[in-house]
Amino acid sequence: MLQQNNKYTSIEDLKSDFLPHKNLQLNFRQDKFQNLSQQEHLFFIKNLEKCKNVTNLQLLYKESDLIQQFLSDLKEIFSQIIQLESLVFDLSKNKMDQQAINHLASGLQQFKNLQRLSLDLGHCKIDAISFQELGAAIFESKALIKLEIFMRSNCLKDIGASNLGKYLSGCTKLKNLNIHLVKNKICTKGFTQLIQGLKNCQQIQQLNLELRQNFINYGDISDFENLFSGMKNLQSLTLGLSKNQVNSQAIQNLTKSLINCSALKKLALDLIDNQIGSQGTQSLVVNLSQCQKLESLMLWLVENKIQTLGASYLANQFLQFQRLQNLQIWIGWNQIDNQGAECLGKGLRNCKQLKTLTFIFQYNNILKEKSNQLSRNLKKMIRLVKLNYKV
C-alpha cells in the first residue's frame, strides 16, 4: 500500500527509497545539509526522478548551497513526475542568476495539469527581465485552482507587475490566489496592469494581495472598484497596503468597492503608515458595515493620523456589523485622546455578538487613568471566548 506522508530532513533520509510514496516533503535548508556531498545530492536527484507516483511534492531549498546543481537537473526531474498535482517550492534567499532562472522556468514548463503551486522566490534579486520568462512558465498549467507566489524584496518594478497581470488574465479557474509583492518598486502603471489582469479571475474565493512598501498612491486605489465589481464569489480577502500613499479618498473608493463582494465573510486590511485620518476612518467603517455577510474583520490602522473624531466614528459604527464574530484592530501610534478612548470602550462593549477580540491601542494621547478604565471595559465583555488587548 502507498504511504501517504513522508518527510525527509536529514542526510540519512536521502538514502531512503522515495518510490512508493505519493506525498513527499524534502527539506534542504542549509543548516541541515552543510556536509552533504555533491555525490550524495546527485543520488537523491536520481532517486527523485523515479517517483512517478508522487502527486504532492514539497521541495524546501531556502538559502541552500545545493540549489544550482538541483536546478540544472530540474527539467529532467519534473518531466518524470507526470502525475504531480501539487507543488510547494521554496527557493527564497538564494542567489538566482539568469542561468538558474532559465533552469527553473524549463522545469516548471513540464507541468501542464498542475492544480496547486506555491513558489517562494523572496530575496532572490529577481528583476523584471528575469521574471518575464519565469512568469510564462509559472502559468504554463491552465488547470491551476490554487496559486501562491512570494516575490518579496525583489525588483519587478512596473514591467514585472504588468507581466504578472498579463499572465493572471488567463487563469480563469483560480479559486485561491496569494501574491506577495512587498518591496518591488511598483508604481502606478504596474499596479494598474496587475489589477486589470486580476479582473478575469472571477472564480476566486480567497485572495491575498500583499503590496506593502511600494509606490502606490491614492489615485491608483480606484482601480480596485473595477476589480471587485466582478468578484461575486470572493469570501476571504487580505490586502496589504502599508507604507504606500493611501489617503482618506482612496479608502473611501476601496471600501465602497468591497460592498460589491456580496459573499465576503473575512476581510483583513493592512493600512499601517498611511494617511487615512479621521475622515478616512469614517468611510472605512460605514462602507464595510454594508458587507452584510462579514464575520471576521482585521484592521491595521497604526500610524494613520487618526484623531478622537475618527475613534468615535469607529465606536458608533460597531453595532452595524450584525454578523461580526472576530474583530482585530491595531490602532496604536495615532492621535486619539481620553474622549476617543472612552468612546471606543463603550462601542466595543455594545458588540454582543463578538466571540474574539484583539485591540491594540498603545501610544495614543490618553492618561493612565483612562487607559485603566478602557482595560476594565474590555474585561467586562463576558461573552468573549478570547480577548487580547494592549492599551
Protein backbone atom coordinates (compact mmCIF):
# COMPACT_ATOMS: atom_id res chain seq x y z
CA MET A 1 0.00 0.00 0.00
CA LEU A 2 1.28 3.50 -0.82
CA GLN A 3 2.49 5.54 2.12
CA GLN A 4 0.84 8.95 2.26
CA ASN A 5 3.03 11.40 4.23
CA ASN A 6 6.81 11.29 4.26
CA LYS A 7 9.25 13.97 5.37
CA TYR A 8 12.99 13.83 4.67
CA THR A 9 15.07 16.24 6.68
CA SER A 10 18.50 14.64 7.13
CA ILE A 11 21.32 13.15 5.06
CA GLU A 12 20.40 9.66 6.20
CA ASP A 13 16.84 10.20 4.96
CA LEU A 14 18.12 10.69 1.43
CA LYS A 15 19.23 7.06 1.31
CA SER A 16 15.60 6.00 1.61
CA ASP A 17 13.53 4.79 -1.27
CA PHE A 18 11.08 7.52 -2.34
CA LEU A 19 9.42 5.37 -4.96
CA PRO A 20 6.36 4.07 -3.03
CA HIS A 21 5.23 7.48 -1.80
CA LYS A 22 2.56 9.83 -3.10
CA ASN A 23 3.32 12.71 -0.72
CA LEU A 24 6.92 13.86 -0.26
CA GLN A 25 8.49 16.71 1.72
CA LEU A 26 12.23 17.21 1.14
CA ASN A 27 13.88 19.86 3.29
CA PHE A 28 17.33 21.04 2.16
CA ARG A 29 17.79 24.03 4.46
CA GLN A 30 21.45 24.98 4.67
CA ASP A 31 21.76 24.29 8.39
CA LYS A 32 20.71 20.68 7.93
CA PHE A 33 22.82 19.77 4.88
CA GLN A 34 26.11 21.61 5.25
CA ASN A 35 28.04 18.34 5.00
CA LEU A 36 26.13 16.84 2.08
CA SER A 37 28.48 15.96 -0.79
CA GLN A 38 27.61 16.53 -4.44
CA GLN A 39 27.63 12.77 -4.96
CA GLU A 40 25.06 12.26 -2.20
CA HIS A 41 22.90 15.03 -3.63
CA LEU A 42 23.16 13.51 -7.11
CA PHE A 43 21.99 10.19 -5.67
CA PHE A 44 18.94 11.97 -4.28
CA ILE A 45 18.19 13.58 -7.66
CA LYS A 46 18.29 10.24 -9.46
CA ASN A 47 16.09 8.75 -6.76
CA LEU A 48 13.54 11.53 -7.12
CA GLU A 49 13.36 11.06 -10.89
CA LYS A 50 11.92 7.60 -10.30
CA CYS A 51 8.96 8.88 -8.24
CA LYS A 52 6.34 8.54 -10.94
CA ASN A 53 3.57 8.04 -8.35
CA VAL A 54 4.09 11.26 -6.40
CA THR A 55 1.15 13.67 -6.55
CA ASN A 56 2.11 16.14 -3.78
CA LEU A 57 5.69 17.38 -3.55
CA GLN A 58 7.38 19.90 -1.25
CA LEU A 59 10.94 20.98 -2.03
CA LEU A 60 12.42 23.31 0.57
CA TYR A 61 15.72 24.80 -0.64
CA LYS A 62 15.71 28.04 1.35
CA GLU A 63 19.22 29.55 1.44
CA SER A 64 20.84 26.35 0.20
CA ASP A 65 24.28 25.79 -1.38
CA LEU A 66 22.80 22.87 -3.31
CA ILE A 67 20.38 24.88 -5.41
CA GLN A 68 22.50 25.41 -8.53
CA GLN A 69 23.10 21.70 -9.05
CA PHE A 70 19.48 20.85 -8.38
CA LEU A 71 18.08 23.46 -10.79
CA SER A 72 20.37 22.26 -13.59
CA ASP A 73 18.65 18.85 -13.38
CA LEU A 74 15.16 20.22 -12.76
CA LYS A 75 13.76 19.76 -16.27
CA GLU A 76 14.69 16.08 -16.30
CA ILE A 77 13.28 15.51 -12.80
CA PHE A 78 9.97 17.28 -13.39
CA SER A 79 9.46 15.63 -16.79
CA GLN A 80 9.29 12.27 -14.97
CA ILE A 81 6.74 13.31 -12.32
CA ILE A 82 3.81 13.31 -14.68
CA GLN A 83 1.08 12.78 -12.06
CA LEU A 84 2.04 15.76 -9.88
CA GLU A 85 -0.99 17.78 -8.74
CA SER A 86 0.53 19.97 -6.02
CA LEU A 87 4.00 21.56 -5.76
CA VAL A 88 5.47 23.64 -2.93
CA PHE A 89 8.89 25.01 -3.92
CA ASP A 90 10.81 27.25 -1.51
CA LEU A 91 13.84 28.87 -3.15
CA SER A 92 13.95 32.00 -1.02
CA LYS A 93 17.20 33.72 -0.09
CA ASN A 94 19.22 32.05 -2.86
CA LYS A 95 21.44 33.67 -5.49
CA MET A 96 19.34 33.27 -8.63
CA ASP A 97 21.33 34.32 -11.70
CA GLN A 98 19.87 34.22 -15.21
CA GLN A 99 21.02 30.65 -15.79
CA ALA A 100 19.29 29.50 -12.59
CA ILE A 101 16.11 31.30 -13.65
CA ASN A 102 16.25 29.60 -17.06
CA HIS A 103 16.61 26.17 -15.44
CA LEU A 104 13.70 26.88 -13.10
CA ALA A 105 11.49 28.02 -15.99
CA SER A 106 12.36 24.91 -18.03
CA GLY A 107 11.42 22.70 -15.10
CA LEU A 108 8.09 24.40 -14.38
CA GLN A 109 7.12 24.23 -18.05
CA GLN A 110 6.84 20.44 -17.73
CA PHE A 111 3.62 20.76 -15.73
CA LYS A 112 0.59 21.10 -17.97
CA ASN A 113 -2.01 19.92 -15.42
CA LEU A 114 -0.69 21.17 -12.09
CA GLN A 115 -3.58 22.24 -9.84
CA ARG A 116 -1.79 23.80 -6.84
CA LEU A 117 1.51 25.69 -6.92
CA SER A 118 3.34 27.57 -4.15
CA LEU A 119 6.59 29.21 -5.26
CA ASP A 120 8.74 31.25 -2.86
CA LEU A 121 11.39 33.42 -4.53
CA GLY A 122 11.69 36.05 -1.82
CA HIS A 123 15.01 37.91 -1.55
CA CYS A 124 16.41 36.35 -4.75
CA LYS A 125 17.23 39.64 -6.55
CA ILE A 126 14.94 38.84 -9.50
CA ASP A 127 14.32 41.71 -11.89
CA ALA A 128 11.59 42.30 -14.48
CA ILE A 129 13.58 40.77 -17.36
CA SER A 130 14.26 37.53 -15.46
CA PHE A 131 10.65 37.32 -14.35
CA GLN A 132 9.30 37.54 -17.90
CA GLU A 133 10.45 34.03 -18.84
CA LEU A 134 9.78 32.65 -15.38
CA GLY A 135 6.26 34.10 -15.29
CA ALA A 136 5.29 32.35 -18.51
CA ALA A 137 6.50 29.04 -17.03
CA ILE A 138 4.60 29.52 -13.76
CA PHE A 139 1.36 29.88 -15.66
CA GLU A 140 2.01 27.00 -18.05
CA SER A 141 -0.70 24.91 -16.39
CA LYS A 142 -4.23 26.04 -17.24
CA ALA A 143 -5.64 23.75 -14.54
CA LEU A 144 -4.41 25.88 -11.61
CA ILE A 145 -7.01 26.39 -8.89
CA LYS A 146 -4.59 27.49 -6.14
CA LEU A 147 -1.53 29.68 -6.71
CA GLU A 148 0.90 31.26 -4.26
CA ILE A 149 3.77 33.46 -5.47
CA PHE A 150 6.11 35.00 -2.90
CA MET A 151 8.32 37.64 -4.53
CA ARG A 152 9.07 39.94 -1.60
CA SER A 153 12.14 42.18 -1.78
CA ASN A 154 12.94 41.68 -5.46
CA CYS A 155 12.95 44.28 -8.22
CA LEU A 156 9.99 43.57 -10.51
CA LYS A 157 9.04 47.25 -10.89
CA ASP A 158 6.19 48.21 -13.25
CA ILE A 159 7.25 45.90 -16.09
CA GLY A 160 7.26 42.81 -13.88
CA ALA A 161 3.93 43.65 -12.27
CA SER A 162 2.40 44.32 -15.70
CA ASN A 163 3.61 40.94 -16.99
CA LEU A 164 2.23 39.23 -13.91
CA GLY A 165 -1.15 40.82 -14.63
CA LYS A 166 -0.99 39.59 -18.21
CA TYR A 167 -0.29 36.01 -17.10
CA LEU A 168 -3.02 36.10 -14.45
CA SER A 169 -5.63 37.13 -17.02
CA GLY A 170 -5.52 33.60 -18.45
CA CYS A 171 -6.07 31.84 -15.11
CA THR A 172 -9.84 31.72 -15.21
CA LYS A 173 -10.10 28.62 -12.98
CA LEU A 174 -8.25 30.08 -9.98
CA LYS A 175 -10.13 29.87 -6.69
CA ASN A 176 -7.31 30.67 -4.25
CA LEU A 177 -4.65 33.29 -5.08
CA ASN A 178 -1.87 34.53 -2.80
CA ILE A 179 0.59 37.08 -4.23
CA HIS A 180 3.33 38.75 -2.17
CA LEU A 181 4.99 41.67 -3.96
CA VAL A 182 6.31 43.53 -0.92
CA LYS A 183 9.15 45.96 -1.72
CA ASN A 184 9.29 45.59 -5.52
CA LYS A 185 9.30 49.28 -6.53
CA ILE A 186 5.87 49.01 -8.18
CA CYS A 187 4.27 52.30 -9.23
CA THR A 188 1.00 53.35 -10.88
CA LYS A 189 1.43 51.63 -14.26
CA GLY A 190 2.42 48.25 -12.84
CA PHE A 191 -0.34 48.32 -10.23
CA THR A 192 -2.99 49.20 -12.83
CA GLN A 193 -1.94 46.40 -15.17
CA LEU A 194 -1.83 43.89 -12.32
CA ILE A 195 -5.38 44.75 -11.27
CA GLN A 196 -6.52 44.65 -14.90
CA GLY A 197 -5.25 41.08 -15.20
CA LEU A 198 -6.93 40.02 -11.95
CA LYS A 199 -10.31 41.09 -13.33
CA ASN A 200 -10.50 37.88 -15.37
CA CYS A 201 -10.11 35.71 -12.26
CA GLN A 202 -13.77 35.89 -11.35
CA GLN A 203 -13.93 32.43 -9.75
CA ILE A 204 -11.61 33.46 -6.90
CA GLN A 205 -12.89 32.68 -3.41
CA GLN A 206 -9.74 33.58 -1.44
CA LEU A 207 -7.44 36.45 -2.41
CA ASN A 208 -4.34 37.66 -0.59
CA LEU A 209 -2.64 40.59 -2.29
CA GLU A 210 0.41 41.92 -0.45
CA LEU A 211 1.64 45.22 -1.91
CA ARG A 212 3.31 46.75 1.12
CA GLN A 213 6.18 49.21 0.72
CA ASN A 214 5.71 50.03 -2.96
CA PHE A 215 4.79 53.37 -4.56
CA ILE A 216 1.03 53.04 -4.88
CA ASN A 217 -0.72 56.39 -4.46
CA TYR A 218 -4.25 57.43 -3.56
CA GLY A 219 -5.35 57.72 -7.20
CA ASP A 220 -4.35 54.15 -8.02
CA ILE A 221 -6.69 52.67 -5.40
CA SER A 222 -9.71 53.49 -7.57
CA ASP A 223 -8.66 50.55 -9.80
CA PHE A 224 -9.95 48.21 -7.09
CA GLU A 225 -13.50 49.28 -7.93
CA ASN A 226 -13.32 47.62 -11.34
CA LEU A 227 -11.71 44.53 -9.82
CA PHE A 228 -14.15 43.83 -7.00
CA SER A 229 -17.27 44.58 -9.02
CA GLY A 230 -16.88 41.19 -10.73
CA MET A 231 -15.77 39.08 -7.76
CA LYS A 232 -19.14 37.71 -6.68
CA ASN A 233 -17.57 34.50 -5.28
CA LEU A 234 -14.95 36.21 -3.09
CA GLN A 235 -15.25 35.00 0.52
CA SER A 236 -11.87 35.92 2.02
CA LEU A 237 -9.73 38.97 1.20
CA THR A 238 -6.40 40.20 2.59
CA LEU A 239 -4.98 43.46 1.23
CA GLY A 240 -1.54 44.63 2.31
CA LEU A 241 -1.14 48.32 1.51
CA SER A 242 1.02 49.56 4.37
CA LYS A 243 3.66 52.22 3.72
CA ASN A 244 2.21 53.40 0.42
CA GLN A 245 0.41 56.70 -0.19
CA VAL A 246 -3.17 55.87 0.78
CA ASN A 247 -5.34 58.79 1.94
CA SER A 248 -8.98 59.25 3.01
CA GLN A 249 -10.32 59.46 -0.56
CA ALA A 250 -8.52 56.27 -1.53
CA ILE A 251 -10.00 54.43 1.45
CA GLN A 252 -13.47 55.63 0.54
CA ASN A 253 -13.06 54.29 -3.01
CA LEU A 254 -11.59 51.00 -1.84
CA THR A 255 -14.14 50.16 0.83
CA LYS A 256 -17.06 51.30 -1.32
CA SER A 257 -15.96 48.83 -3.99
CA LEU A 258 -15.94 45.99 -1.43
CA ILE A 259 -19.71 46.34 -0.99
CA ASN A 260 -19.98 44.62 -4.39
CA CYS A 261 -18.37 41.47 -2.91
CA SER A 262 -21.67 40.03 -1.73
CA ALA A 263 -20.16 36.73 -0.49
CA LEU A 264 -17.34 38.33 1.57
CA LYS A 265 -17.03 36.78 5.05
CA LYS A 266 -13.43 37.51 6.06
CA LEU A 267 -11.53 40.76 5.46
CA ALA A 268 -8.05 41.91 6.53
CA LEU A 269 -6.79 45.39 5.61
CA ASP A 270 -3.19 46.35 6.37
CA LEU A 271 -3.04 50.15 6.14
CA ILE A 272 -0.12 50.83 8.51
CA ASP A 273 1.73 54.10 7.98
CA ASN A 274 -0.60 55.80 5.51
CA GLN A 275 -2.68 58.99 5.77
CA ILE A 276 -6.31 57.93 6.05
CA GLY A 277 -7.07 60.23 9.02
CA SER A 278 -10.40 60.51 10.83
CA GLN A 279 -12.38 61.13 7.64
CA GLY A 280 -10.97 58.01 6.04
CA THR A 281 -11.79 56.02 9.18
CA GLN A 282 -15.43 57.09 8.89
CA SER A 283 -15.64 55.99 5.24
CA LEU A 284 -13.92 52.74 6.14
CA VAL A 285 -16.40 51.58 8.78
CA VAL A 286 -19.54 52.99 7.15
CA ASN A 287 -18.85 51.17 3.89
CA LEU A 288 -17.65 47.93 5.47
CA SER A 289 -20.74 47.74 7.66
CA GLN A 290 -22.69 47.23 4.42
CA CYS A 291 -20.82 43.97 3.75
CA GLN A 292 -23.70 42.02 5.23
CA LYS A 293 -22.03 38.60 5.48
CA LEU A 294 -18.83 39.82 7.13
CA GLU A 295 -17.91 37.56 10.09
CA SER A 296 -14.20 38.36 10.57
CA LEU A 297 -12.60 41.81 10.30
CA MET A 298 -8.93 42.69 10.84
CA LEU A 299 -7.82 46.32 10.55
CA TRP A 300 -4.22 47.52 10.88
CA LEU A 301 -4.60 51.30 11.27
CA VAL A 302 -1.34 52.09 13.08
CA GLU A 303 0.25 55.48 12.23
CA ASN A 304 -2.59 56.98 10.20
CA LYS A 305 -3.13 60.36 11.90
CA ILE A 306 -6.47 59.22 13.31
CA GLN A 307 -7.82 61.61 15.92
CA THR A 308 -10.62 61.41 18.50
CA LEU A 309 -13.28 62.05 15.87
CA GLY A 310 -12.09 59.01 13.93
CA ALA A 311 -12.25 56.87 17.08
CA SER A 312 -15.85 57.96 17.69
CA TYR A 313 -16.76 57.03 14.10
CA LEU A 314 -15.36 53.57 14.74
CA ALA A 315 -17.18 53.18 18.04
CA ASN A 316 -20.56 54.32 16.71
CA GLN A 317 -20.42 52.02 13.71
CA PHE A 318 -19.53 48.77 15.51
CA LEU A 319 -23.21 47.98 16.15
CA GLN A 320 -23.93 47.92 12.42
CA PHE A 321 -21.80 44.80 11.88
CA GLN A 322 -24.60 42.35 12.55
CA ARG A 323 -22.70 39.08 11.92
CA LEU A 324 -19.23 40.03 13.10
CA GLN A 325 -17.71 37.38 15.40
CA ASN A 326 -13.98 38.08 15.13
CA LEU A 327 -12.66 41.64 15.37
CA GLN A 328 -8.98 42.64 15.39
CA ILE A 329 -7.98 46.31 15.45
CA TRP A 330 -4.45 47.73 15.64
CA ILE A 331 -4.90 51.48 16.12
CA GLY A 332 -1.81 52.47 18.09
CA TRP A 333 0.53 55.39 17.32
CA ASN A 334 -2.32 57.75 16.39
CA GLN A 335 -3.69 60.95 17.98
CA ILE A 336 -6.67 59.67 19.99
CA ASP A 337 -7.30 61.34 23.37
CA ASN A 338 -9.24 60.37 26.51
CA GLN A 339 -12.63 61.05 24.98
CA GLY A 340 -11.84 58.86 21.98
CA ALA A 341 -10.67 56.04 24.23
CA GLU A 342 -13.89 56.22 26.22
CA CYS A 343 -15.99 56.07 23.02
CA LEU A 344 -14.08 53.03 21.78
CA GLY A 345 -14.54 51.20 25.09
CA LYS A 346 -18.31 51.76 25.09
CA GLY A 347 -18.63 50.92 21.42
CA LEU A 348 -16.81 47.62 21.78
CA ARG A 349 -18.88 46.61 24.81
CA ASN A 350 -22.01 47.00 22.69
CA CYS A 351 -20.79 44.34 20.24
CA LYS A 352 -22.72 41.50 21.87
CA GLN A 353 -22.13 39.03 19.04
CA LEU A 354 -18.30 39.14 19.19
CA LYS A 355 -16.51 35.93 20.19
CA THR A 356 -12.87 37.03 19.79
CA LEU A 357 -11.37 40.50 20.10
CA THR A 358 -7.86 41.84 19.59
CA PHE A 359 -7.48 45.54 20.41
CA ILE A 360 -4.06 47.20 20.25
CA PHE A 361 -4.24 50.85 21.33
CA GLN A 362 -0.74 51.72 22.52
CA TYR A 363 0.92 55.13 22.12
CA ASN A 364 -2.07 57.42 21.82
CA ASN A 365 -2.76 60.60 23.79
CA ILE A 366 -4.60 59.21 26.83
CA LEU A 367 -3.98 59.43 30.56
CA LYS A 368 -3.12 56.33 32.57
CA GLU A 369 -6.45 56.59 34.39
CA LYS A 370 -8.37 56.41 31.10
CA SER A 371 -6.15 53.57 29.92
CA ASN A 372 -7.07 51.57 33.03
CA GLN A 373 -10.75 52.36 32.53
CA LEU A 374 -10.57 51.16 28.92
CA SER A 375 -8.98 47.91 30.11
CA ARG A 376 -11.78 47.38 32.63
CA ASN A 377 -14.43 47.95 29.96
CA LEU A 378 -12.83 45.35 27.71
CA LYS A 379 -12.66 42.79 30.53
CA LYS A 380 -16.41 43.18 31.09
CA MET A 381 -17.13 41.71 27.66
CA ILE A 382 -18.09 38.39 29.23
CA ARG A 383 -19.37 36.81 26.02
CA LEU A 384 -15.88 36.81 24.53
CA VAL A 385 -14.18 33.45 24.10
CA LYS A 386 -10.80 35.12 23.53
CA LEU A 387 -9.57 38.62 24.40
CA ASN A 388 -6.16 40.14 23.59
CA TYR A 389 -5.51 43.81 24.23
CA LYS A 390 -2.76 46.38 24.84
CA VAL A 391 -3.72 49.92 25.84
